[in-house]
């Protein structure tokens, strides 16, 4: 797998980080399958033409609320390749929120 992810992180205020990223993903060879994030091959993708798998646009906000607490959230848009769309894949969007506590 080939993965290029340029990003830009801004610190608009103390304890707050804002990160914008664009992730471009290709498979190394068309003889291989496209894999899910869990490492499971997507059925029907091995041997299909086109190495490009997807692009992911994301924005992430991290707030260091205290010495021990980190709140993190963001939004991601995934643009699927023609290879994935040909086997039933589709573009998707998701949000996430996490709370971390460090002892």
C-alpha atoms as a PDB file:
ATOM      1  CA  UNK A   1       0.000   0.000   0.000  1.00  0.00           C
ATOM      2  CA  UNK A   2       1.177   3.507  -0.796  1.00  0.00           C
ATOM      3  CA  UNK A   3      -0.135   6.267   1.445  1.00  0.00           C
ATOM      4  CA  UNK A   4       0.631   9.988   1.213  1.00  0.00           C
ATOM      5  CA  UNK A   5      -0.990  12.270   3.787  1.00  0.00           C
ATOM      6  CA  UNK A   6      -0.006  15.934   3.766  1.00  0.00           C
ATOM      7  CA  UNK A   7      -1.411  17.874   6.706  1.00  0.00           C
ATOM      8  CA  UNK A   8      -1.449  21.334   8.227  1.00  0.00           C
ATOM      9  CA  UNK A   9      -1.737  21.880  11.980  1.00  0.00           C
ATOM     10  CA  UNK A  10      -2.661  25.252  13.443  1.00  0.00           C
ATOM     11  CA  UNK A  11      -2.612  26.280  17.101  1.00  0.00           C
ATOM     12  CA  UNK A  12      -5.237  29.048  17.347  1.00  0.00           C
ATOM     13  CA  UNK A  13      -5.055  29.191  21.154  1.00  0.00           C
ATOM     14  CA  UNK A  14      -3.143  27.591  24.005  1.00  0.00           C
ATOM     15  CA  UNK A  15      -4.159  23.947  24.358  1.00  0.00           C
ATOM     16  CA  UNK A  16      -6.052  23.787  21.040  1.00  0.00           C
ATOM     17  CA  UNK A  17      -4.769  22.158  17.844  1.00  0.00           C
ATOM     18  CA  UNK A  18      -6.627  22.205  14.535  1.00  0.00           C
ATOM     19  CA  UNK A  19      -5.378  19.778  11.869  1.00  0.00           C
ATOM     20  CA  UNK A  20      -6.433  19.611   8.218  1.00  0.00           C
ATOM     21  CA  UNK A  21      -5.296  16.591   6.192  1.00  0.00           C
ATOM     22  CA  UNK A  22      -5.786  14.885   2.846  1.00  0.00           C
ATOM     23  CA  UNK A  23      -4.857  11.215   2.630  1.00  0.00           C
ATOM     24  CA  UNK A  24      -4.232   9.626  -0.801  1.00  0.00           C
ATOM     25  CA  UNK A  25      -4.121   5.808  -0.864  1.00  0.00           C
ATOM     26  CA  UNK A  26      -3.028   3.408  -3.618  1.00  0.00           C
ATOM     27  CA  UNK A  27      -2.394  -0.312  -3.583  1.00  0.00           C
ATOM     28  CA  UNK A  28       1.138  -1.314  -4.590  1.00  0.00           C
ATOM     29  CA  UNK A  29      -0.065  -3.645  -7.351  1.00  0.00           C
ATOM     30  CA  UNK A  30      -3.396  -4.455  -8.996  1.00  0.00           C
ATOM     31  CA  UNK A  31      -2.706  -8.156  -8.310  1.00  0.00           C
ATOM     32  CA  UNK A  32      -3.399  -7.435  -4.643  1.00  0.00           C
ATOM     33  CA  UNK A  33      -6.788  -6.598  -3.123  1.00  0.00           C
ATOM     34  CA  UNK A  34      -7.900  -3.340  -1.546  1.00  0.00           C
ATOM     35  CA  UNK A  35      -8.051  -3.783   2.236  1.00  0.00           C
ATOM     36  CA  UNK A  36     -10.362  -2.384   4.906  1.00  0.00           C
ATOM     37  CA  UNK A  37      -8.920  -0.472   7.864  1.00  0.00           C
ATOM     38  CA  UNK A  38      -9.104  -3.763   9.813  1.00  0.00           C
ATOM     39  CA  UNK A  39      -6.848  -5.456   7.228  1.00  0.00           C
ATOM     40  CA  UNK A  40      -9.597  -7.548   5.621  1.00  0.00           C
ATOM     41  CA  UNK A  41      -9.440  -7.804   1.795  1.00  0.00           C
ATOM     42  CA  UNK A  42     -12.445  -6.308  -0.010  1.00  0.00           C
ATOM     43  CA  UNK A  43     -13.959  -9.141  -2.107  1.00  0.00           C
ATOM     44  CA  UNK A  44     -13.677  -8.678  -5.866  1.00  0.00           C
ATOM     45  CA  UNK A  45     -10.890  -6.061  -5.824  1.00  0.00           C
ATOM     46  CA  UNK A  46      -7.858  -8.300  -6.454  1.00  0.00           C
ATOM     47  CA  UNK A  47      -6.898  -8.223 -10.123  1.00  0.00           C
ATOM     48  CA  UNK A  48      -9.090  -5.220 -10.980  1.00  0.00           C
ATOM     49  CA  UNK A  49      -7.453  -2.382 -12.872  1.00  0.00           C
ATOM     50  CA  UNK A  50      -6.569   0.847 -11.112  1.00  0.00           C
ATOM     51  CA  UNK A  51      -4.167   1.116  -8.203  1.00  0.00           C
ATOM     52  CA  UNK A  52      -5.867   4.161  -6.632  1.00  0.00           C
ATOM     53  CA  UNK A  53      -8.022   3.165  -3.633  1.00  0.00           C
ATOM     54  CA  UNK A  54      -9.363   6.351  -2.028  1.00  0.00           C
ATOM     55  CA  UNK A  55      -8.790   9.889  -0.817  1.00  0.00           C
ATOM     56  CA  UNK A  56      -9.735  11.020   2.667  1.00  0.00           C
ATOM     57  CA  UNK A  57     -10.249  14.647   3.644  1.00  0.00           C
ATOM     58  CA  UNK A  58     -10.258  15.320   7.375  1.00  0.00           C
ATOM     59  CA  UNK A  59     -10.363  18.036   9.993  1.00  0.00           C
ATOM     60  CA  UNK A  60      -9.403  17.272  13.585  1.00  0.00           C
ATOM     61  CA  UNK A  61      -9.702  19.416  16.712  1.00  0.00           C
ATOM     62  CA  UNK A  62      -7.764  18.536  19.859  1.00  0.00           C
ATOM     63  CA  UNK A  63      -8.278  20.381  23.136  1.00  0.00           C
ATOM     64  CA  UNK A  64      -5.950  19.769  26.058  1.00  0.00           C
ATOM     65  CA  UNK A  65      -8.567  20.559  28.710  1.00  0.00           C
ATOM     66  CA  UNK A  66      -6.169  19.928  31.584  1.00  0.00           C
ATOM     67  CA  UNK A  67      -2.863  18.234  32.290  1.00  0.00           C
ATOM     68  CA  UNK A  68      -4.704  14.896  32.361  1.00  0.00           C
ATOM     69  CA  UNK A  69      -7.665  15.339  29.960  1.00  0.00           C
ATOM     70  CA  UNK A  70      -7.552  15.518  26.145  1.00  0.00           C
ATOM     71  CA  UNK A  71     -10.759  15.961  24.121  1.00  0.00           C
ATOM     72  CA  UNK A  72     -10.429  15.127  20.429  1.00  0.00           C
ATOM     73  CA  UNK A  73     -12.992  15.193  17.627  1.00  0.00           C
ATOM     74  CA  UNK A  74     -13.237  15.539  13.914  1.00  0.00           C
ATOM     75  CA  UNK A  75     -14.888  14.894  10.595  1.00  0.00           C
ATOM     76  CA  UNK A  76     -13.734  12.724   7.686  1.00  0.00           C
ATOM     77  CA  UNK A  77     -14.936  12.427   4.079  1.00  0.00           C
ATOM     78  CA  UNK A  78     -13.808   9.357   2.118  1.00  0.00           C
ATOM     79  CA  UNK A  79     -13.902   9.471  -1.700  1.00  0.00           C
ATOM     80  CA  UNK A  80     -13.829   5.882  -3.007  1.00  0.00           C
ATOM     81  CA  UNK A  81     -12.089   4.820  -6.223  1.00  0.00           C
ATOM     82  CA  UNK A  82     -13.833   3.373  -9.271  1.00  0.00           C
ATOM     83  CA  UNK A  83     -12.397  -0.018  -8.281  1.00  0.00           C
ATOM     84  CA  UNK A  84     -14.260   0.067  -4.952  1.00  0.00           C
ATOM     85  CA  UNK A  85     -17.428   1.517  -6.469  1.00  0.00           C
ATOM     86  CA  UNK A  86     -17.459  -1.349  -9.019  1.00  0.00           C
ATOM     87  CA  UNK A  87     -17.789  -3.864  -6.155  1.00  0.00           C
ATOM     88  CA  UNK A  88     -20.431  -1.912  -4.219  1.00  0.00           C
ATOM     89  CA  UNK A  89     -18.317   0.638  -2.344  1.00  0.00           C
ATOM     90  CA  UNK A  90     -19.498   4.208  -1.880  1.00  0.00           C
ATOM     91  CA  UNK A  91     -18.232   7.563  -0.649  1.00  0.00           C
ATOM     92  CA  UNK A  92     -18.808   8.095   3.039  1.00  0.00           C
ATOM     93  CA  UNK A  93     -18.634  10.668   5.822  1.00  0.00           C
ATOM     94  CA  UNK A  94     -18.184  10.165   9.538  1.00  0.00           C
ATOM     95  CA  UNK A  95     -17.643  12.095  12.743  1.00  0.00           C
ATOM     96  CA  UNK A  96     -15.680  11.005  15.783  1.00  0.00           C
ATOM     97  CA  UNK A  97     -15.229  12.140  19.356  1.00  0.00           C
ATOM     98  CA  UNK A  98     -12.740  10.829  21.901  1.00  0.00           C
ATOM     99  CA  UNK A  99     -11.869  11.587  25.477  1.00  0.00           C
ATOM    100  CA  UNK A 100      -8.450  10.671  26.815  1.00  0.00           C
ATOM    101  CA  UNK A 101      -7.264  10.617  30.392  1.00  0.00           C
ATOM    102  CA  UNK A 102      -3.563  10.359  31.223  1.00  0.00           C
ATOM    103  CA  UNK A 103      -2.587   9.283  34.731  1.00  0.00           C
END
